[in-house]
C-alpha cells in the first residue's frame, strides 16, 4: 500500500484536511471522537478554520441515536453508542472516514449539509467510474440495483413479496447467507457505497461520512446496516472488480469535498 502522510494539508479559502491515521496507524474510535470534540470547540470559538478529519478506524460498530435493539449484533459484539443521527454501522480497515467540522449559519440547514456531502461523494464515485446516486428517503450514496422483476429469486423461490419488507419481525441474519447485506450485488439490489451520519451543535457540524473503498463488507452482516433490511452494502473495489486503495481514494475525496464545501452558498434553514 502506498504510504499516506500524516499531518495537515491546507486548502485555499480556509478549509483544511487533517490526516489522523491510516493502515497500521488506523485510529481507535474513542480517540477520534475525542479529537472531533476538541476541533469542534476550537471551530466554535473561531480559533481554527473549517476542518475535515480523514482517517481509517480500527474495526468497530457504532450506533446512532435511532438504533433499535434488534439491529445490533446478535452475538453480543460490543457497540459504541454515539451522539450522531442515523442508526448502526461498521467502521474499519478499507473504509475512508471523513469528519467535516464546519461552522454553518443558524438555524442550520442539516439536510442541505447532508446533500453537499452526498454530492461530493457522488463525484468521487464518478471519477472512479462508479455511478453513485441518491435514494429517496435514504441518506448516503448508493449503487442502484436491477428492477425488482429482474432480480434473482431468493432462497430458490420466486415470491410475490419480499419478506424483509412484508414482515416487520423478519431478520435477514437468521435466514441464510442469501440475505446478507454483503451479497446485495449478487442479488441485484440497491447497495450503499457511503454512509452519512452527522450531528450539529452550536452551529458547528460533527461526524460525517464513511466511504467503502476496499473493506471486508461481510463485517456488515452481523448488523442491520443503517436499519435498512431490504438493501445492502458495496465498495468501490467490489463494484469495479479491481483493488482500490485508501491511498488512491484519499486525494480524490479531498479534491471533490473541497470543491463542494468551498463553493457552496451557505444559507440558514428557512423558517
C-alpha atoms as a PDB file:
ATOM      1  CA  UNK A   1       0.000   0.000   0.000  1.00  0.00           C
ATOM      2  CA  UNK A   2       1.289   3.452  -0.878  1.00  0.00           C
ATOM      3  CA  UNK A   3       2.306   5.400   2.190  1.00  0.00           C
ATOM      4  CA  UNK A   4      -0.053   8.174   3.284  1.00  0.00           C
ATOM      5  CA  UNK A   5       1.476  11.126   5.046  1.00  0.00           C
ATOM      6  CA  UNK A   6       0.193  12.198   8.420  1.00  0.00           C
ATOM      7  CA  UNK A   7      -0.431  15.837   9.202  1.00  0.00           C
ATOM      8  CA  UNK A   8      -2.345  18.712   7.651  1.00  0.00           C
ATOM      9  CA  UNK A   9      -2.984  19.561   4.009  1.00  0.00           C
ATOM     10  CA  UNK A  10      -4.139  23.200   3.693  1.00  0.00           C
ATOM     11  CA  UNK A  11      -6.863  24.005   1.186  1.00  0.00           C
ATOM     12  CA  UNK A  12      -7.388  27.526  -0.179  1.00  0.00           C
ATOM     13  CA  UNK A  13     -10.056  29.733   1.379  1.00  0.00           C
ATOM     14  CA  UNK A  14      -9.992  28.190   4.811  1.00  0.00           C
ATOM     15  CA  UNK A  15     -10.895  24.515   4.597  1.00  0.00           C
ATOM     16  CA  UNK A  16      -8.144  22.218   5.807  1.00  0.00           C
ATOM     17  CA  UNK A  17      -7.791  18.440   5.821  1.00  0.00           C
ATOM     18  CA  UNK A  18      -6.149  16.690   8.759  1.00  0.00           C
ATOM     19  CA  UNK A  19      -4.964  13.079   8.368  1.00  0.00           C
ATOM     20  CA  UNK A  20      -5.382  11.243  11.671  1.00  0.00           C
ATOM     21  CA  UNK A  21      -4.137   7.797  10.661  1.00  0.00           C
ATOM     22  CA  UNK A  22      -4.419   5.024   8.079  1.00  0.00           C
ATOM     23  CA  UNK A  23      -3.427   1.384   7.720  1.00  0.00           C
ATOM     24  CA  UNK A  24      -1.298   0.273  10.650  1.00  0.00           C
ATOM     25  CA  UNK A  25      -1.970   3.709  12.196  1.00  0.00           C
ATOM     26  CA  UNK A  26      -5.752   3.292  11.999  1.00  0.00           C
ATOM     27  CA  UNK A  27      -7.449   5.267  14.747  1.00  0.00           C
ATOM     28  CA  UNK A  28      -9.392   3.829  17.666  1.00  0.00           C
ATOM     29  CA  UNK A  29     -12.921   5.222  17.613  1.00  0.00           C
ATOM     30  CA  UNK A  30     -12.946   6.842  21.047  1.00  0.00           C
ATOM     31  CA  UNK A  31      -9.683   8.674  20.277  1.00  0.00           C
ATOM     32  CA  UNK A  32     -11.123  10.100  17.058  1.00  0.00           C
ATOM     33  CA  UNK A  33     -14.333  11.077  18.846  1.00  0.00           C
ATOM     34  CA  UNK A  34     -12.322  12.967  21.449  1.00  0.00           C
ATOM     35  CA  UNK A  35     -10.369  14.734  18.701  1.00  0.00           C
ATOM     36  CA  UNK A  36     -13.627  15.672  16.994  1.00  0.00           C
ATOM     37  CA  UNK A  37     -14.849  17.307  20.177  1.00  0.00           C
ATOM     38  CA  UNK A  38     -11.587  19.238  20.566  1.00  0.00           C
ATOM     39  CA  UNK A  39     -11.689  20.504  16.981  1.00  0.00           C
ATOM     40  CA  UNK A  40     -15.414  21.285  17.308  1.00  0.00           C
ATOM     41  CA  UNK A  41     -14.784  23.512  20.344  1.00  0.00           C
ATOM     42  CA  UNK A  42     -11.936  25.306  18.585  1.00  0.00           C
ATOM     43  CA  UNK A  43     -14.029  25.884  15.469  1.00  0.00           C
ATOM     44  CA  UNK A  44     -16.937  27.231  17.522  1.00  0.00           C
ATOM     45  CA  UNK A  45     -14.535  29.676  19.144  1.00  0.00           C
ATOM     46  CA  UNK A  46     -13.195  30.712  15.692  1.00  0.00           C
ATOM     47  CA  UNK A  47      -9.703  29.608  16.673  1.00  0.00           C
ATOM     48  CA  UNK A  48      -9.341  27.450  13.543  1.00  0.00           C
ATOM     49  CA  UNK A  49     -10.929  27.274  10.068  1.00  0.00           C
ATOM     50  CA  UNK A  50     -13.376  24.630   8.908  1.00  0.00           C
ATOM     51  CA  UNK A  51     -11.595  21.299   9.254  1.00  0.00           C
ATOM     52  CA  UNK A  52     -12.152  17.812   7.872  1.00  0.00           C
ATOM     53  CA  UNK A  53     -10.575  14.904   9.719  1.00  0.00           C
ATOM     54  CA  UNK A  54      -9.733  11.972   7.433  1.00  0.00           C
ATOM     55  CA  UNK A  55      -8.829   8.522   8.715  1.00  0.00           C
ATOM     56  CA  UNK A  56      -9.350   4.794   8.867  1.00  0.00           C
ATOM     57  CA  UNK A  57     -10.816   3.364  12.047  1.00  0.00           C
ATOM     58  CA  UNK A  58      -9.876   0.214  13.841  1.00  0.00           C
ATOM     59  CA  UNK A  59     -12.816  -2.187  13.446  1.00  0.00           C
ATOM     60  CA  UNK A  60     -15.837  -1.015  15.449  1.00  0.00           C
ATOM     61  CA  UNK A  61     -19.628  -0.918  15.360  1.00  0.00           C
ATOM     62  CA  UNK A  62     -21.199   2.439  16.209  1.00  0.00           C
ATOM     63  CA  UNK A  63     -24.869   3.111  16.877  1.00  0.00           C
ATOM     64  CA  UNK A  64     -26.601   6.424  16.289  1.00  0.00           C
ATOM     65  CA  UNK A  65     -29.448   7.674  18.435  1.00  0.00           C
ATOM     66  CA  UNK A  66     -32.200   5.942  16.441  1.00  0.00           C
ATOM     67  CA  UNK A  67     -30.717   2.427  16.575  1.00  0.00           C
ATOM     68  CA  UNK A  68     -33.102  -0.226  17.888  1.00  0.00           C
ATOM     69  CA  UNK A  69     -32.020  -3.296  19.837  1.00  0.00           C
ATOM     70  CA  UNK A  70     -32.943  -5.732  17.057  1.00  0.00           C
ATOM     71  CA  UNK A  71     -30.482  -4.031  14.668  1.00  0.00           C
ATOM     72  CA  UNK A  72     -27.430  -4.683  16.862  1.00  0.00           C
ATOM     73  CA  UNK A  73     -25.161  -7.761  16.585  1.00  0.00           C
ATOM     74  CA  UNK A  74     -26.905 -10.936  17.706  1.00  0.00           C
ATOM     75  CA  UNK A  75     -23.727 -12.379  19.232  1.00  0.00           C
ATOM     76  CA  UNK A  76     -23.143  -9.584  21.729  1.00  0.00           C
ATOM     77  CA  UNK A  77     -20.297  -7.934  19.813  1.00  0.00           C
ATOM     78  CA  UNK A  78     -19.604  -4.591  21.541  1.00  0.00           C
ATOM     79  CA  UNK A  79     -21.151  -1.462  20.039  1.00  0.00           C
ATOM     80  CA  UNK A  80     -20.184   2.156  20.742  1.00  0.00           C
ATOM     81  CA  UNK A  81     -23.256   4.358  21.183  1.00  0.00           C
ATOM     82  CA  UNK A  82     -22.650   7.806  19.717  1.00  0.00           C
ATOM     83  CA  UNK A  83     -24.404  11.172  19.556  1.00  0.00           C
ATOM     84  CA  UNK A  84     -24.900  11.380  15.794  1.00  0.00           C
ATOM     85  CA  UNK A  85     -28.075  10.845  13.839  1.00  0.00           C
ATOM     86  CA  UNK A  86     -28.847   7.651  11.975  1.00  0.00           C
ATOM     87  CA  UNK A  87     -28.588   4.053  13.104  1.00  0.00           C
ATOM     88  CA  UNK A  88     -25.950   1.338  13.429  1.00  0.00           C
ATOM     89  CA  UNK A  89     -22.988   0.909  11.098  1.00  0.00           C
ATOM     90  CA  UNK A  90     -19.491  -0.564  10.949  1.00  0.00           C
ATOM     91  CA  UNK A  91     -16.155   1.225  10.585  1.00  0.00           C
ATOM     92  CA  UNK A  92     -12.850  -0.459   9.919  1.00  0.00           C
ATOM     93  CA  UNK A  93      -9.929  -1.148   7.579  1.00  0.00           C
ATOM     94  CA  UNK A  94     -10.564  -0.314   3.941  1.00  0.00           C
ATOM     95  CA  UNK A  95     -13.131   2.365   4.742  1.00  0.00           C
ATOM     96  CA  UNK A  96     -12.245   6.045   4.353  1.00  0.00           C
ATOM     97  CA  UNK A  97     -13.931   8.073   7.085  1.00  0.00           C
ATOM     98  CA  UNK A  98     -14.336  11.841   6.970  1.00  0.00           C
ATOM     99  CA  UNK A  99     -15.462  14.156   9.752  1.00  0.00           C
ATOM    100  CA  UNK A 100     -16.100  17.647   8.312  1.00  0.00           C
ATOM    101  CA  UNK A 101     -16.256  20.094  11.228  1.00  0.00           C
ATOM    102  CA  UNK A 102     -17.779  23.166   9.672  1.00  0.00           C
ATOM    103  CA  UNK A 103     -19.461  26.282  11.040  1.00  0.00           C
ATOM    104  CA  UNK A 104     -22.804  26.887   9.337  1.00  0.00           C
ATOM    105  CA  UNK A 105     -25.281  29.778   9.515  1.00  0.00           C
ATOM    106  CA  UNK A 106     -28.098  29.345  12.020  1.00  0.00           C
ATOM    107  CA  UNK A 107     -30.667  27.929  12.056  1.00  0.00           C
ATOM    108  CA  UNK A 108     -28.595  25.189  10.475  1.00  0.00           C
ATOM    109  CA  UNK A 109     -29.979  23.507   7.363  1.00  0.00           C
ATOM    110  CA  UNK A 110     -28.939  19.953   8.232  1.00  0.00           C
ATOM    111  CA  UNK A 111     -30.463  18.435   5.105  1.00  0.00           C
ATOM    112  CA  UNK A 112     -28.504  20.805   2.865  1.00  0.00           C
ATOM    113  CA  UNK A 113     -25.279  19.811   4.638  1.00  0.00           C
ATOM    114  CA  UNK A 114     -26.024  16.106   4.064  1.00  0.00           C
ATOM    115  CA  UNK A 115     -26.784  16.796   0.395  1.00  0.00           C
ATOM    116  CA  UNK A 116     -23.427  18.536  -0.023  1.00  0.00           C
ATOM    117  CA  UNK A 117     -21.585  15.547   1.418  1.00  0.00           C
ATOM    118  CA  UNK A 118     -23.564  13.226  -0.866  1.00  0.00           C
ATOM    119  CA  UNK A 119     -22.736  15.379  -3.890  1.00  0.00           C
ATOM    120  CA  UNK A 120     -19.012  15.309  -3.139  1.00  0.00           C
ATOM    121  CA  UNK A 121     -19.020  11.525  -2.737  1.00  0.00           C
ATOM    122  CA  UNK A 122     -21.096  11.008  -5.887  1.00  0.00           C
ATOM    123  CA  UNK A 123     -18.388  12.936  -7.753  1.00  0.00           C
ATOM    124  CA  UNK A 124     -15.714  10.744  -6.145  1.00  0.00           C
ATOM    125  CA  UNK A 125     -17.502   7.607  -7.327  1.00  0.00           C
ATOM    126  CA  UNK A 126     -17.889   9.046 -10.832  1.00  0.00           C
ATOM    127  CA  UNK A 127     -14.162   9.750 -11.076  1.00  0.00           C
ATOM    128  CA  UNK A 128     -13.524   6.068 -10.341  1.00  0.00           C
ATOM    129  CA  UNK A 129     -16.121   5.009 -12.911  1.00  0.00           C
ATOM    130  CA  UNK A 130     -18.889   4.012 -10.499  1.00  0.00           C
ATOM    131  CA  UNK A 131     -22.337   5.533 -10.867  1.00  0.00           C
ATOM    132  CA  UNK A 132     -23.359   6.587  -7.386  1.00  0.00           C
ATOM    133  CA  UNK A 133     -26.682   8.227  -6.686  1.00  0.00           C
ATOM    134  CA  UNK A 134     -29.172   9.196  -4.003  1.00  0.00           C
ATOM    135  CA  UNK A 135     -32.167   7.122  -2.944  1.00  0.00           C
ATOM    136  CA  UNK A 136     -35.270   8.960  -1.832  1.00  0.00           C
ATOM    137  CA  UNK A 137     -35.702   8.797   1.922  1.00  0.00           C
ATOM    138  CA  UNK A 138     -32.296   7.172   2.493  1.00  0.00           C
ATOM    139  CA  UNK A 139     -29.183   9.245   3.095  1.00  0.00           C
ATOM    140  CA  UNK A 140     -25.793   8.335   1.692  1.00  0.00           C
ATOM    141  CA  UNK A 141     -24.531   7.333  -1.745  1.00  0.00           C
ATOM    142  CA  UNK A 142     -25.970   4.267  -3.429  1.00  0.00           C
ATOM    143  CA  UNK A 143     -25.462   1.970  -6.398  1.00  0.00           C
ATOM    144  CA  UNK A 144     -28.909   1.202  -7.754  1.00  0.00           C
ATOM    145  CA  UNK A 145     -29.917  -2.404  -8.237  1.00  0.00           C
ATOM    146  CA  UNK A 146     -31.840  -4.040 -11.045  1.00  0.00           C
ATOM    147  CA  UNK A 147     -35.597  -3.577 -11.423  1.00  0.00           C
ATOM    148  CA  UNK A 148     -37.362  -5.860  -8.931  1.00  0.00           C
ATOM    149  CA  UNK A 149     -38.763  -8.129 -11.631  1.00  0.00           C
ATOM    150  CA  UNK A 150     -35.249  -8.788 -12.979  1.00  0.00           C
ATOM    151  CA  UNK A 151     -33.661  -9.772  -9.672  1.00  0.00           C
ATOM    152  CA  UNK A 152     -32.827 -13.429  -8.984  1.00  0.00           C
ATOM    153  CA  UNK A 153     -35.081 -15.402  -6.663  1.00  0.00           C
ATOM    154  CA  UNK A 154     -34.067 -15.522  -3.008  1.00  0.00           C
ATOM    155  CA  UNK A 155     -33.595 -18.945  -1.472  1.00  0.00           C
ATOM    156  CA  UNK A 156     -34.540 -20.612  -4.747  1.00  0.00           C
ATOM    157  CA  UNK A 157     -38.105 -19.323  -4.579  1.00  0.00           C
ATOM    158  CA  UNK A 158     -39.673 -16.543  -6.602  1.00  0.00           C
ATOM    159  CA  UNK A 159     -42.054 -14.799  -4.235  1.00  0.00           C
ATOM    160  CA  UNK A 160     -44.625 -12.130  -4.940  1.00  0.00           C
ATOM    161  CA  UNK A 161     -43.391 -10.195  -1.911  1.00  0.00           C
ATOM    162  CA  UNK A 162     -40.133  -9.511  -0.135  1.00  0.00           C
ATOM    163  CA  UNK A 163     -40.336 -10.953   3.403  1.00  0.00           C
ATOM    164  CA  UNK A 164     -37.866  -8.334   4.633  1.00  0.00           C
ATOM    165  CA  UNK A 165     -40.383  -5.576   3.975  1.00  0.00           C
ATOM    166  CA  UNK A 166     -43.618  -7.561   4.368  1.00  0.00           C
ATOM    167  CA  UNK A 167     -42.777  -8.861   7.851  1.00  0.00           C
ATOM    168  CA  UNK A 168     -41.629  -6.372  10.492  1.00  0.00           C
ATOM    169  CA  UNK A 169     -40.148  -9.219  12.560  1.00  0.00           C
ATOM    170  CA  UNK A 170     -38.146 -10.727   9.681  1.00  0.00           C
ATOM    171  CA  UNK A 171     -34.413 -10.763  10.441  1.00  0.00           C
ATOM    172  CA  UNK A 172     -32.182 -11.256   7.366  1.00  0.00           C
ATOM    173  CA  UNK A 173     -29.364 -12.580   9.561  1.00  0.00           C
ATOM    174  CA  UNK A 174     -31.434 -15.598  10.617  1.00  0.00           C
ATOM    175  CA  UNK A 175     -32.475 -16.630   7.139  1.00  0.00           C
ATOM    176  CA  UNK A 176     -29.324 -17.695   5.330  1.00  0.00           C
ATOM    177  CA  UNK A 177     -26.413 -16.015   3.555  1.00  0.00           C
ATOM    178  CA  UNK A 178     -28.548 -15.133   0.536  1.00  0.00           C
ATOM    179  CA  UNK A 179     -29.970 -12.276   2.619  1.00  0.00           C
ATOM    180  CA  UNK A 180     -26.610 -10.966   3.855  1.00  0.00           C
ATOM    181  CA  UNK A 181     -26.008  -7.232   3.223  1.00  0.00           C
ATOM    182  CA  UNK A 182     -22.615  -8.049   1.685  1.00  0.00           C
ATOM    183  CA  UNK A 183     -24.333 -10.130  -1.025  1.00  0.00           C
ATOM    184  CA  UNK A 184     -26.652  -7.369  -2.228  1.00  0.00           C
ATOM    185  CA  UNK A 185     -24.779  -7.002  -5.501  1.00  0.00           C
ATOM    186  CA  UNK A 186     -25.287 -10.683  -6.308  1.00  0.00           C
ATOM    187  CA  UNK A 187     -28.998 -10.200  -5.631  1.00  0.00           C
ATOM    188  CA  UNK A 188     -29.115  -7.184  -7.940  1.00  0.00           C
ATOM    189  CA  UNK A 189     -30.327  -4.945  -5.103  1.00  0.00           C
ATOM    190  CA  UNK A 190     -29.584  -1.364  -4.134  1.00  0.00           C
ATOM    191  CA  UNK A 191     -26.394  -1.167  -2.107  1.00  0.00           C
ATOM    192  CA  UNK A 192     -24.816   1.633  -0.125  1.00  0.00           C
ATOM    193  CA  UNK A 193     -21.312   2.791  -1.013  1.00  0.00           C
ATOM    194  CA  UNK A 194     -21.089   5.609   1.500  1.00  0.00           C
ATOM    195  CA  UNK A 195     -22.956   6.191   4.745  1.00  0.00           C
ATOM    196  CA  UNK A 196     -23.591   9.613   6.265  1.00  0.00           C
ATOM    197  CA  UNK A 197     -24.490  10.461   9.854  1.00  0.00           C
ATOM    198  CA  UNK A 198     -23.998  13.882  11.395  1.00  0.00           C
ATOM    199  CA  UNK A 199     -24.607  15.978  14.460  1.00  0.00           C
ATOM    200  CA  UNK A 200     -24.816  19.758  14.703  1.00  0.00           C
ATOM    201  CA  UNK A 201     -24.068  21.522  17.998  1.00  0.00           C
ATOM    202  CA  UNK A 202     -23.783  25.290  18.427  1.00  0.00           C
ATOM    203  CA  UNK A 203     -23.988  25.700  14.668  1.00  0.00           C
ATOM    204  CA  UNK A 204     -20.933  23.501  14.027  1.00  0.00           C
ATOM    205  CA  UNK A 205     -21.107  20.062  12.401  1.00  0.00           C
ATOM    206  CA  UNK A 206     -19.607  16.820  13.712  1.00  0.00           C
ATOM    207  CA  UNK A 207     -19.342  13.223  12.495  1.00  0.00           C
ATOM    208  CA  UNK A 208     -19.722  12.820   8.729  1.00  0.00           C
ATOM    209  CA  UNK A 209     -19.261  10.077   6.141  1.00  0.00           C
ATOM    210  CA  UNK A 210     -17.763   6.634   5.625  1.00  0.00           C
ATOM    211  CA  UNK A 211     -16.824   5.612   2.074  1.00  0.00           C
ATOM    212  CA  UNK A 212     -16.326   1.888   1.468  1.00  0.00           C
ATOM    213  CA  UNK A 213     -13.137   1.702  -0.586  1.00  0.00           C
ATOM    214  CA  UNK A 214     -11.879  -1.867  -0.093  1.00  0.00           C
ATOM    215  CA  UNK A 215     -13.219  -3.179   3.241  1.00  0.00           C
ATOM    216  CA  UNK A 216     -14.329  -6.695   4.107  1.00  0.00           C
ATOM    217  CA  UNK A 217     -18.038  -5.982   3.646  1.00  0.00           C
ATOM    218  CA  UNK A 218     -19.021  -9.173   5.494  1.00  0.00           C
ATOM    219  CA  UNK A 219     -18.423  -7.128   8.654  1.00  0.00           C
ATOM    220  CA  UNK A 220     -21.830  -5.570   7.945  1.00  0.00           C
ATOM    221  CA  UNK A 221     -23.530  -8.976   8.029  1.00  0.00           C
ATOM    222  CA  UNK A 222     -23.662  -9.015  11.842  1.00  0.00           C
ATOM    223  CA  UNK A 223     -25.952  -5.988  11.940  1.00  0.00           C
ATOM    224  CA  UNK A 224     -28.829  -4.389  10.059  1.00  0.00           C
ATOM    225  CA  UNK A 225     -26.745  -1.636   8.437  1.00  0.00           C
ATOM    226  CA  UNK A 226     -28.347   1.774   8.929  1.00  0.00           C
ATOM    227  CA  UNK A 227     -31.515  -0.090   9.936  1.00  0.00           C
ATOM    228  CA  UNK A 228     -32.253  -0.967   6.296  1.00  0.00           C
ATOM    229  CA  UNK A 229     -33.332  -4.576   5.795  1.00  0.00           C
ATOM    230  CA  UNK A 230     -34.081  -4.683   2.067  1.00  0.00           C
ATOM    231  CA  UNK A 231     -30.748  -3.402   0.695  1.00  0.00           C
ATOM    232  CA  UNK A 232     -27.073  -3.990   1.295  1.00  0.00           C
ATOM    233  CA  UNK A 233     -23.577  -2.562   1.117  1.00  0.00           C
ATOM    234  CA  UNK A 234     -20.957  -2.189  -1.582  1.00  0.00           C
ATOM    235  CA  UNK A 235     -17.400  -0.952  -2.060  1.00  0.00           C
ATOM    236  CA  UNK A 236     -15.522   0.785  -4.839  1.00  0.00           C
ATOM    237  CA  UNK A 237     -13.290  -2.269  -5.228  1.00  0.00           C
ATOM    238  CA  UNK A 238     -16.257  -4.631  -5.412  1.00  0.00           C
ATOM    239  CA  UNK A 239     -18.116  -2.562  -7.969  1.00  0.00           C
ATOM    240  CA  UNK A 240     -15.060  -2.073 -10.164  1.00  0.00           C
ATOM    241  CA  UNK A 241     -13.707  -5.606  -9.879  1.00  0.00           C
ATOM    242  CA  UNK A 242     -10.240  -4.317  -9.003  1.00  0.00           C
ATOM    243  CA  UNK A 243      -8.426  -3.258  -5.875  1.00  0.00           C
ATOM    244  CA  UNK A 244      -8.821   0.411  -4.977  1.00  0.00           C
ATOM    245  CA  UNK A 245      -6.687   1.529  -2.046  1.00  0.00           C
ATOM    246  CA  UNK A 246      -7.258   4.186   0.576  1.00  0.00           C
ATOM    247  CA  UNK A 247      -4.149   5.949  -0.738  1.00  0.00           C
ATOM    248  CA  UNK A 248      -5.725   6.072  -4.195  1.00  0.00           C
ATOM    249  CA  UNK A 249      -9.082   7.340  -2.941  1.00  0.00           C
ATOM    250  CA  UNK A 250      -7.791   9.926  -0.475  1.00  0.00           C
ATOM    251  CA  UNK A 251      -6.750  12.720  -2.886  1.00  0.00           C
ATOM    252  CA  UNK A 252      -9.917  12.235  -4.932  1.00  0.00           C
ATOM    253  CA  UNK A 253     -12.060  12.645  -1.821  1.00  0.00           C
ATOM    254  CA  UNK A 254     -10.115  15.727  -0.763  1.00  0.00           C
ATOM    255  CA  UNK A 255     -10.492  17.285  -4.203  1.00  0.00           C
ATOM    256  CA  UNK A 256     -14.242  16.862  -4.521  1.00  0.00           C
ATOM    257  CA  UNK A 257     -15.061  17.547  -0.890  1.00  0.00           C
ATOM    258  CA  UNK A 258     -13.021  20.745  -1.050  1.00  0.00           C
ATOM    259  CA  UNK A 259     -14.708  21.843  -4.269  1.00  0.00           C
ATOM    260  CA  UNK A 260     -18.220  21.236  -2.972  1.00  0.00           C
ATOM    261  CA  UNK A 261     -17.808  22.658   0.531  1.00  0.00           C
ATOM    262  CA  UNK A 262     -15.733  25.668  -0.519  1.00  0.00           C
ATOM    263  CA  UNK A 263     -18.028  26.679  -3.371  1.00  0.00           C
ATOM    264  CA  UNK A 264     -21.340  26.111  -1.602  1.00  0.00           C
ATOM    265  CA  UNK A 265     -23.573  29.067  -0.824  1.00  0.00           C
ATOM    266  CA  UNK A 266     -24.308  28.511   2.858  1.00  0.00           C
ATOM    267  CA  UNK A 267     -27.772  29.644   3.836  1.00  0.00           C
ATOM    268  CA  UNK A 268     -29.725  29.271   7.070  1.00  0.00           C
ATOM    269  CA  UNK A 269     -32.657  26.897   7.134  1.00  0.00           C
ATOM    270  CA  UNK A 270     -35.866  28.566   6.038  1.00  0.00           C
ATOM    271  CA  UNK A 271     -38.273  29.024   8.948  1.00  0.00           C
END
